[in-house]
Amino acid sequence: MPNSILFIAASLSLFIPLAPVDPTPRAAPADKPLQVNDVVYVHASSSLTLRKTPSKDGLKIASVPANGTPLTVVALPEPGSAYIAETIGTFAVKGGWVVVKTQAGQEGYLFDGYLSRYKPLQREKMDGSVSLMDAFYRTISPVKGKRTSLPATNGTIERYQYFYADGARFEEQYYEGGATQILELPKDKFTMQEVLVLFRTAWFGKEKTKGSYDAAKQQLTIDGDGGYSQLIIQPKGNRWMLKFSTAD
């Protein structure tokens, strides 16, 4: 995968010291902007609106589904086109309006805060051999090395981990009545907004969510509408920590 990247990274409080891992290649800065001719994808729980002008009130041209359909960036945001699409407490999802072209040849303005160079998770194509977040991160960076078992702790029935080529780490913990998936991501690869946008959609799909933000801890907590699934995003040192929990 190229090192030219748009989006974010995560760290973890349950790091288990193991055999040393080779130093990882440094990613491009997390704030590297989109470029003309970039191919991007929608990461949202529903479709985005393609508009005639760079405004939330712009005339609707079409709906752009969040189904992995590629879009091509035609023009970058105009000066002063910044827009806040969503707030979670004091945390804001913001961005500009890029001109994109759909596969059908339609061109218009689209809010770029929910766009990424990474493809969204194709849940219908998962075969169940890997866990949800592991499957998604494998589309961002390949696995490096083999699966490693970890000692049971805090009531776990089973624990294991993988490392990825970019230095990210995945851990799965199984309990009676639930499971936790953890991702530690290099902070120089993603911004917190990108982590939220990418992994909220990958984890919850089209399910409605509600969230809170602890500004002192810089912690985002996202809960599924059904109350059985949760995502916590928090920085730790030079990494992001993502914790995905689900109960039976």
C-alpha atoms as a PDB file:
ATOM      1  CA  MET A   1       0.000   0.000   0.000  1.00  0.00           C
ATOM      2  CA  PRO A   2       1.348   3.494  -0.785  1.00  0.00           C
ATOM      3  CA  ASN A   3       2.636   5.684   2.013  1.00  0.00           C
ATOM      4  CA  SER A   4       0.494   8.608   0.796  1.00  0.00           C
ATOM      5  CA  ILE A   5      -2.309   8.435   3.290  1.00  0.00           C
ATOM      6  CA  LEU A   6      -5.159  10.618   4.496  1.00  0.00           C
ATOM      7  CA  PHE A   7      -6.311   9.033   7.725  1.00  0.00           C
ATOM      8  CA  ILE A   8      -5.584   8.395  11.532  1.00  0.00           C
ATOM      9  CA  ALA A   9      -3.965   5.912  14.113  1.00  0.00           C
ATOM     10  CA  ALA A  10      -4.584   4.377  17.699  1.00  0.00           C
ATOM     11  CA  SER A  11      -2.911   3.144  20.967  1.00  0.00           C
ATOM     12  CA  LEU A  12      -3.762   0.804  23.851  1.00  0.00           C
ATOM     13  CA  SER A  13      -3.539   0.431  27.587  1.00  0.00           C
ATOM     14  CA  LEU A  14      -3.141  -3.384  27.449  1.00  0.00           C
ATOM     15  CA  PHE A  15       0.218  -3.643  25.679  1.00  0.00           C
ATOM     16  CA  ILE A  16       1.934  -6.943  26.381  1.00  0.00           C
ATOM     17  CA  PRO A  17       5.740  -6.833  25.953  1.00  0.00           C
ATOM     18  CA  LEU A  18       6.830  -9.552  23.535  1.00  0.00           C
ATOM     19  CA  ALA A  19       9.753 -10.209  21.254  1.00  0.00           C
ATOM     20  CA  PRO A  20      11.006  -6.987  19.607  1.00  0.00           C
ATOM     21  CA  VAL A  21       9.298  -5.977  16.401  1.00  0.00           C
ATOM     22  CA  ASP A  22      11.296  -4.445  13.576  1.00  0.00           C
ATOM     23  CA  PRO A  23      11.095  -0.651  13.299  1.00  0.00           C
ATOM     24  CA  THR A  24       8.200   0.284  11.074  1.00  0.00           C
ATOM     25  CA  PRO A  25       8.275   2.645   8.095  1.00  0.00           C
ATOM     26  CA  ARG A  26       7.131   6.170   8.869  1.00  0.00           C
ATOM     27  CA  ALA A  27       3.797   7.092   7.372  1.00  0.00           C
ATOM     28  CA  ALA A  28       3.019  10.297   5.573  1.00  0.00           C
ATOM     29  CA  PRO A  29       1.769  13.134   7.820  1.00  0.00           C
ATOM     30  CA  ALA A  30      -1.769  12.545   9.023  1.00  0.00           C
ATOM     31  CA  ASP A  31      -2.903  15.933   7.761  1.00  0.00           C
ATOM     32  CA  LYS A  32      -1.771  15.283   4.169  1.00  0.00           C
ATOM     33  CA  PRO A  33      -4.647  16.726   2.135  1.00  0.00           C
ATOM     34  CA  LEU A  34      -6.511  15.139  -0.716  1.00  0.00           C
ATOM     35  CA  GLN A  35      -5.126  15.753  -4.175  1.00  0.00           C
ATOM     36  CA  VAL A  36      -6.808  16.156  -7.544  1.00  0.00           C
ATOM     37  CA  ASN A  37      -7.320  12.736  -9.206  1.00  0.00           C
ATOM     38  CA  ASP A  38      -7.304  10.906  -5.877  1.00  0.00           C
ATOM     39  CA  VAL A  39      -9.816   8.052  -5.697  1.00  0.00           C
ATOM     40  CA  VAL A  40     -11.873   8.295  -2.505  1.00  0.00           C
ATOM     41  CA  TYR A  41     -14.742   6.476  -0.800  1.00  0.00           C
ATOM     42  CA  VAL A  42     -17.599   7.473   1.480  1.00  0.00           C
ATOM     43  CA  HIS A  43     -17.362   6.356   5.119  1.00  0.00           C
ATOM     44  CA  ALA A  44     -20.740   7.122   6.651  1.00  0.00           C
ATOM     45  CA  SER A  45     -23.753   5.265   8.012  1.00  0.00           C
ATOM     46  CA  SER A  46     -25.840   6.565   5.114  1.00  0.00           C
ATOM     47  CA  SER A  47     -25.381   8.257   1.751  1.00  0.00           C
ATOM     48  CA  LEU A  48     -23.889  11.720   1.283  1.00  0.00           C
ATOM     49  CA  THR A  49     -25.443  14.414  -0.876  1.00  0.00           C
ATOM     50  CA  LEU A  50     -23.659  15.601  -3.993  1.00  0.00           C
ATOM     51  CA  ARG A  51     -24.449  19.306  -4.370  1.00  0.00           C
ATOM     52  CA  LYS A  52     -24.233  21.968  -7.076  1.00  0.00           C
ATOM     53  CA  THR A  53     -22.552  24.511  -4.772  1.00  0.00           C
ATOM     54  CA  PRO A  54     -20.166  24.132  -1.768  1.00  0.00           C
ATOM     55  CA  SER A  55     -22.818  24.471   0.908  1.00  0.00           C
ATOM     56  CA  LYS A  56     -25.099  22.228   2.951  1.00  0.00           C
ATOM     57  CA  ASP A  57     -27.950  24.130   1.323  1.00  0.00           C
ATOM     58  CA  GLY A  58     -26.635  23.647  -2.206  1.00  0.00           C
ATOM     59  CA  LEU A  59     -28.958  22.167  -4.802  1.00  0.00           C
ATOM     60  CA  LYS A  60     -28.953  18.361  -4.594  1.00  0.00           C
ATOM     61  CA  ILE A  61     -27.531  16.629  -7.653  1.00  0.00           C
ATOM     62  CA  ALA A  62     -27.451  13.036  -6.423  1.00  0.00           C
ATOM     63  CA  SER A  63     -27.055  10.772  -3.408  1.00  0.00           C
ATOM     64  CA  VAL A  64     -23.662   9.092  -3.093  1.00  0.00           C
ATOM     65  CA  PRO A  65     -23.986   5.740  -1.284  1.00  0.00           C
ATOM     66  CA  ALA A  66     -21.548   4.502   1.347  1.00  0.00           C
ATOM     67  CA  ASN A  67     -21.070   1.168  -0.393  1.00  0.00           C
ATOM     68  CA  GLY A  68     -17.475   1.292  -1.560  1.00  0.00           C
ATOM     69  CA  THR A  69     -18.223   2.986  -4.884  1.00  0.00           C
ATOM     70  CA  PRO A  70     -15.121   4.971  -5.940  1.00  0.00           C
ATOM     71  CA  LEU A  71     -15.206   8.725  -6.535  1.00  0.00           C
ATOM     72  CA  THR A  72     -12.556  10.815  -8.254  1.00  0.00           C
ATOM     73  CA  VAL A  73     -11.457  14.166  -6.818  1.00  0.00           C
ATOM     74  CA  VAL A  74     -11.776  16.828  -9.528  1.00  0.00           C
ATOM     75  CA  ALA A  75     -11.118  20.007  -7.558  1.00  0.00           C
ATOM     76  CA  LEU A  76     -10.000  20.864  -4.027  1.00  0.00           C
ATOM     77  CA  PRO A  77     -11.977  22.909  -1.468  1.00  0.00           C
ATOM     78  CA  GLU A  78     -12.427  26.575  -2.170  1.00  0.00           C
ATOM     79  CA  PRO A  79     -11.024  29.022   0.410  1.00  0.00           C
ATOM     80  CA  GLY A  80     -13.526  29.651   3.193  1.00  0.00           C
ATOM     81  CA  SER A  81     -15.564  26.526   2.462  1.00  0.00           C
ATOM     82  CA  ALA A  82     -14.947  24.951   5.893  1.00  0.00           C
ATOM     83  CA  TYR A  83     -18.014  23.241   7.309  1.00  0.00           C
ATOM     84  CA  ILE A  84     -18.830  21.409  10.558  1.00  0.00           C
ATOM     85  CA  ALA A  85     -21.004  18.407   9.759  1.00  0.00           C
ATOM     86  CA  GLU A  86     -21.274  16.841  13.207  1.00  0.00           C
ATOM     87  CA  THR A  87     -20.467  17.564  16.837  1.00  0.00           C
ATOM     88  CA  ILE A  88     -19.968  15.098  19.696  1.00  0.00           C
ATOM     89  CA  GLY A  89     -19.727  17.275  22.764  1.00  0.00           C
ATOM     90  CA  THR A  90     -16.939  19.725  21.933  1.00  0.00           C
ATOM     91  CA  PHE A  91     -15.470  17.422  19.273  1.00  0.00           C
ATOM     92  CA  ALA A  92     -16.331  18.458  15.715  1.00  0.00           C
ATOM     93  CA  VAL A  93     -16.199  16.584  12.421  1.00  0.00           C
ATOM     94  CA  LYS A  94     -15.242  19.295   9.967  1.00  0.00           C
ATOM     95  CA  GLY A  95     -13.835  19.726   6.505  1.00  0.00           C
ATOM     96  CA  GLY A  96     -14.209  21.412   3.150  1.00  0.00           C
ATOM     97  CA  TRP A  97     -16.153  20.864  -0.051  1.00  0.00           C
ATOM     98  CA  VAL A  98     -14.336  18.982  -2.798  1.00  0.00           C
ATOM     99  CA  VAL A  99     -15.586  18.530  -6.331  1.00  0.00           C
ATOM    100  CA  VAL A 100     -15.849  14.833  -7.171  1.00  0.00           C
ATOM    101  CA  LYS A 101     -16.925  12.813 -10.175  1.00  0.00           C
ATOM    102  CA  THR A 102     -19.064   9.696  -9.755  1.00  0.00           C
ATOM    103  CA  GLN A 103     -18.759   6.570 -11.865  1.00  0.00           C
ATOM    104  CA  ALA A 104     -21.870   7.774 -13.700  1.00  0.00           C
ATOM    105  CA  GLY A 105     -19.987  10.931 -14.697  1.00  0.00           C
ATOM    106  CA  GLN A 106     -21.865  13.326 -12.403  1.00  0.00           C
ATOM    107  CA  GLU A 107     -19.793  16.125 -10.868  1.00  0.00           C
ATOM    108  CA  GLY A 108     -20.599  18.157  -7.798  1.00  0.00           C
ATOM    109  CA  TYR A 109     -19.487  19.253  -4.355  1.00  0.00           C
ATOM    110  CA  LEU A 110     -19.161  16.723  -1.545  1.00  0.00           C
ATOM    111  CA  PHE A 111     -18.174  17.276   2.079  1.00  0.00           C
ATOM    112  CA  ASP A 112     -14.735  15.717   2.465  1.00  0.00           C
ATOM    113  CA  GLY A 113     -14.909  14.984   6.211  1.00  0.00           C
ATOM    114  CA  TYR A 114     -16.440  11.569   5.493  1.00  0.00           C
ATOM    115  CA  LEU A 115     -14.165  10.720   2.563  1.00  0.00           C
ATOM    116  CA  SER A 116     -11.051   8.564   2.645  1.00  0.00           C
ATOM    117  CA  ARG A 117      -8.554   7.030   0.269  1.00  0.00           C
ATOM    118  CA  TYR A 118      -9.177   3.759   2.125  1.00  0.00           C
ATOM    119  CA  LYS A 119     -12.004   1.509   0.991  1.00  0.00           C
ATOM    120  CA  PRO A 120     -14.803   0.860   3.470  1.00  0.00           C
ATOM    121  CA  LEU A 121     -15.198  -2.609   4.926  1.00  0.00           C
ATOM    122  CA  GLN A 122     -17.225  -4.895   2.663  1.00  0.00           C
ATOM    123  CA  ARG A 123     -19.082  -6.855   5.344  1.00  0.00           C
ATOM    124  CA  GLU A 124     -20.951  -9.014   2.863  1.00  0.00           C
ATOM    125  CA  LYS A 125     -17.629 -10.369   1.575  1.00  0.00           C
ATOM    126  CA  MET A 126     -16.265 -11.395   4.990  1.00  0.00           C
ATOM    127  CA  ASP A 127     -15.863 -15.148   5.403  1.00  0.00           C
ATOM    128  CA  GLY A 128     -15.673 -15.170   9.203  1.00  0.00           C
ATOM    129  CA  SER A 129     -12.066 -16.379   9.319  1.00  0.00           C
ATOM    130  CA  VAL A 130     -10.859 -13.072  10.817  1.00  0.00           C
ATOM    131  CA  SER A 131     -12.448 -10.662  13.259  1.00  0.00           C
ATOM    132  CA  LEU A 132     -14.201  -7.514  12.076  1.00  0.00           C
ATOM    133  CA  MET A 133     -11.558  -4.897  12.886  1.00  0.00           C
ATOM    134  CA  ASP A 134      -8.696  -7.190  11.927  1.00  0.00           C
ATOM    135  CA  ALA A 135     -10.366  -7.746   8.558  1.00  0.00           C
ATOM    136  CA  PHE A 136     -10.760  -4.008   8.049  1.00  0.00           C
ATOM    137  CA  TYR A 137      -7.221  -3.085   9.029  1.00  0.00           C
ATOM    138  CA  ARG A 138      -5.794  -5.717   6.690  1.00  0.00           C
ATOM    139  CA  THR A 139      -7.176  -3.567   3.853  1.00  0.00           C
ATOM    140  CA  ILE A 140      -5.076  -0.668   5.196  1.00  0.00           C
ATOM    141  CA  SER A 141      -1.834  -2.486   6.053  1.00  0.00           C
ATOM    142  CA  PRO A 142      -0.819  -6.144   5.600  1.00  0.00           C
ATOM    143  CA  VAL A 143      -0.249  -8.418   8.588  1.00  0.00           C
ATOM    144  CA  LYS A 144       3.377  -8.801   9.640  1.00  0.00           C
ATOM    145  CA  GLY A 145       4.236 -12.144  11.202  1.00  0.00           C
ATOM    146  CA  LYS A 146       1.982 -14.797  12.658  1.00  0.00           C
ATOM    147  CA  ARG A 147      -0.819 -14.724  15.181  1.00  0.00           C
ATOM    148  CA  THR A 148       0.510 -14.776  18.755  1.00  0.00           C
ATOM    149  CA  SER A 149      -1.408 -16.158  21.733  1.00  0.00           C
ATOM    150  CA  LEU A 150      -1.451 -14.064  24.914  1.00  0.00           C
ATOM    151  CA  PRO A 151      -1.893 -15.102  28.554  1.00  0.00           C
ATOM    152  CA  ALA A 152      -5.440 -15.013  29.909  1.00  0.00           C
ATOM    153  CA  THR A 153      -6.146 -12.011  32.122  1.00  0.00           C
ATOM    154  CA  ASN A 154      -9.100 -10.298  33.810  1.00  0.00           C
ATOM    155  CA  GLY A 155     -11.480 -13.143  33.091  1.00  0.00           C
ATOM    156  CA  THR A 156     -10.554 -13.710  29.455  1.00  0.00           C
ATOM    157  CA  ILE A 157     -11.066 -17.136  27.931  1.00  0.00           C
ATOM    158  CA  GLU A 158      -8.715 -16.471  25.035  1.00  0.00           C
ATOM    159  CA  ARG A 159      -6.429 -13.648  23.902  1.00  0.00           C
ATOM    160  CA  TYR A 160      -4.296 -13.269  20.800  1.00  0.00           C
ATOM    161  CA  GLN A 161      -2.686 -10.529  18.733  1.00  0.00           C
ATOM    162  CA  TYR A 162      -1.385  -9.603  15.299  1.00  0.00           C
ATOM    163  CA  PHE A 163       1.047  -6.913  14.202  1.00  0.00           C
ATOM    164  CA  TYR A 164       0.791  -5.076  10.887  1.00  0.00           C
ATOM    165  CA  ALA A 165       3.500  -3.831   8.558  1.00  0.00           C
ATOM    166  CA  ASP A 166       2.866  -0.182   9.479  1.00  0.00           C
ATOM    167  CA  GLY A 167       3.351  -0.886  13.207  1.00  0.00           C
ATOM    168  CA  ALA A 168      -0.314  -1.144  14.185  1.00  0.00           C
ATOM    169  CA  ARG A 169      -1.325  -3.895  16.606  1.00  0.00           C
ATOM    170  CA  PHE A 170      -4.589  -5.833  16.901  1.00  0.00           C
ATOM    171  CA  GLU A 171      -5.684  -7.794  19.962  1.00  0.00           C
ATOM    172  CA  GLU A 172      -8.783  -9.903  20.456  1.00  0.00           C
ATOM    173  CA  GLN A 173     -10.078 -10.820  23.919  1.00  0.00           C
ATOM    174  CA  TYR A 174     -12.874 -13.349  24.444  1.00  0.00           C
ATOM    175  CA  TYR A 175     -14.985 -13.439  27.617  1.00  0.00           C
ATOM    176  CA  GLU A 176     -18.038 -15.313  28.790  1.00  0.00           C
ATOM    177  CA  GLY A 177     -20.789 -13.256  27.193  1.00  0.00           C
ATOM    178  CA  GLY A 178     -18.751 -10.929  25.033  1.00  0.00           C
ATOM    179  CA  ALA A 179     -15.550  -9.954  23.285  1.00  0.00           C
ATOM    180  CA  THR A 180     -13.215  -6.975  22.952  1.00  0.00           C
ATOM    181  CA  GLN A 181     -11.140  -6.026  19.930  1.00  0.00           C
ATOM    182  CA  ILE A 182      -8.304  -3.546  20.368  1.00  0.00           C
ATOM    183  CA  LEU A 183      -6.309  -1.620  17.801  1.00  0.00           C
ATOM    184  CA  GLU A 184      -3.175   0.399  18.503  1.00  0.00           C
ATOM    185  CA  LEU A 185      -2.537   2.716  15.573  1.00  0.00           C
ATOM    186  CA  PRO A 186       0.474   4.938  14.781  1.00  0.00           C
ATOM    187  CA  LYS A 187      -0.602   8.509  15.453  1.00  0.00           C
ATOM    188  CA  ASP A 188       1.286   9.949  12.491  1.00  0.00           C
ATOM    189  CA  LYS A 189      -0.891   7.998  10.082  1.00  0.00           C
ATOM    190  CA  PHE A 190      -4.338   9.210  11.142  1.00  0.00           C
ATOM    191  CA  THR A 191      -6.031  12.161  12.802  1.00  0.00           C
ATOM    192  CA  MET A 192      -8.631  11.594  15.511  1.00  0.00           C
ATOM    193  CA  GLN A 193     -11.379  12.641  13.112  1.00  0.00           C
ATOM    194  CA  GLU A 194     -10.179  10.100  10.570  1.00  0.00           C
ATOM    195  CA  VAL A 195     -10.095   7.370  13.218  1.00  0.00           C
ATOM    196  CA  LEU A 196     -13.675   8.183  14.172  1.00  0.00           C
ATOM    197  CA  VAL A 197     -14.946   8.326  10.593  1.00  0.00           C
ATOM    198  CA  LEU A 198     -13.175   5.170   9.417  1.00  0.00           C
ATOM    199  CA  PHE A 199     -13.719   2.885  12.371  1.00  0.00           C
ATOM    200  CA  ARG A 200     -17.157   3.982  13.531  1.00  0.00           C
ATOM    201  CA  THR A 201     -18.598   2.986  10.181  1.00  0.00           C
ATOM    202  CA  ALA A 202     -16.532  -0.204   9.994  1.00  0.00           C
ATOM    203  CA  TRP A 203     -17.654  -1.267  13.479  1.00  0.00           C
ATOM    204  CA  PHE A 204     -21.306  -0.185  13.536  1.00  0.00           C
ATOM    205  CA  GLY A 205     -22.159  -0.281   9.842  1.00  0.00           C
ATOM    206  CA  LYS A 206     -25.514   1.429   9.295  1.00  0.00           C
ATOM    207  CA  GLU A 207     -26.541   1.151  12.956  1.00  0.00           C
ATOM    208  CA  LYS A 208     -27.445   4.438  14.625  1.00  0.00           C
ATOM    209  CA  THR A 209     -25.014   5.572  17.290  1.00  0.00           C
ATOM    210  CA  LYS A 210     -24.743   8.110  20.067  1.00  0.00           C
ATOM    211  CA  GLY A 211     -21.535   9.544  21.439  1.00  0.00           C
ATOM    212  CA  SER A 212     -19.818  11.591  24.113  1.00  0.00           C
ATOM    213  CA  TYR A 213     -16.470  13.365  24.313  1.00  0.00           C
ATOM    214  CA  ASP A 214     -14.295  13.813  27.391  1.00  0.00           C
ATOM    215  CA  ALA A 215     -12.149  16.817  26.468  1.00  0.00           C
ATOM    216  CA  ALA A 216      -9.805  16.363  29.443  1.00  0.00           C
ATOM    217  CA  LYS A 217      -8.963  12.787  28.391  1.00  0.00           C
ATOM    218  CA  GLN A 218      -9.451  13.487  24.668  1.00  0.00           C
ATOM    219  CA  GLN A 219     -11.669  10.407  24.683  1.00  0.00           C
ATOM    220  CA  LEU A 220     -14.495   9.700  22.277  1.00  0.00           C
ATOM    221  CA  THR A 221     -17.050   7.082  23.339  1.00  0.00           C
ATOM    222  CA  ILE A 222     -19.496   5.823  20.714  1.00  0.00           C
ATOM    223  CA  ASP A 223     -22.353   3.497  21.655  1.00  0.00           C
ATOM    224  CA  GLY A 224     -24.580   1.503  19.344  1.00  0.00           C
ATOM    225  CA  ASP A 225     -28.295   2.181  19.435  1.00  0.00           C
ATOM    226  CA  GLY A 226     -28.973  -1.316  20.774  1.00  0.00           C
ATOM    227  CA  GLY A 227     -26.636  -0.878  23.737  1.00  0.00           C
ATOM    228  CA  TYR A 228     -24.602  -4.027  23.031  1.00  0.00           C
ATOM    229  CA  SER A 229     -21.647  -2.525  21.190  1.00  0.00           C
ATOM    230  CA  GLN A 230     -19.220   0.287  21.990  1.00  0.00           C
ATOM    231  CA  LEU A 231     -16.171   2.014  20.511  1.00  0.00           C
ATOM    232  CA  ILE A 232     -13.730   4.065  22.601  1.00  0.00           C
ATOM    233  CA  ILE A 233     -11.046   6.200  20.928  1.00  0.00           C
ATOM    234  CA  GLN A 234      -8.282   7.790  22.986  1.00  0.00           C
ATOM    235  CA  PRO A 235      -4.692   8.950  22.403  1.00  0.00           C
ATOM    236  CA  LYS A 236      -1.824   7.374  24.303  1.00  0.00           C
ATOM    237  CA  GLY A 237       1.647   8.690  23.644  1.00  0.00           C
ATOM    238  CA  ASN A 238       2.425   8.510  19.935  1.00  0.00           C
ATOM    239  CA  ARG A 239      -0.409   6.104  19.246  1.00  0.00           C
ATOM    240  CA  TRP A 240      -4.184   5.942  19.208  1.00  0.00           C
ATOM    241  CA  MET A 241      -6.003   3.359  21.272  1.00  0.00           C
ATOM    242  CA  LEU A 242      -9.249   1.952  19.885  1.00  0.00           C
ATOM    243  CA  LYS A 243     -11.316  -0.439  21.971  1.00  0.00           C
ATOM    244  CA  PHE A 244     -14.271  -2.209  20.377  1.00  0.00           C
ATOM    245  CA  SER A 245     -16.537  -4.059  22.796  1.00  0.00           C
ATOM    246  CA  THR A 246     -19.600  -6.191  22.216  1.00  0.00           C
ATOM    247  CA  ALA A 247     -21.854  -8.210  24.516  1.00  0.00           C
ATOM    248  CA  ASP A 248     -23.967 -11.235  23.660  1.00  0.00           C
END
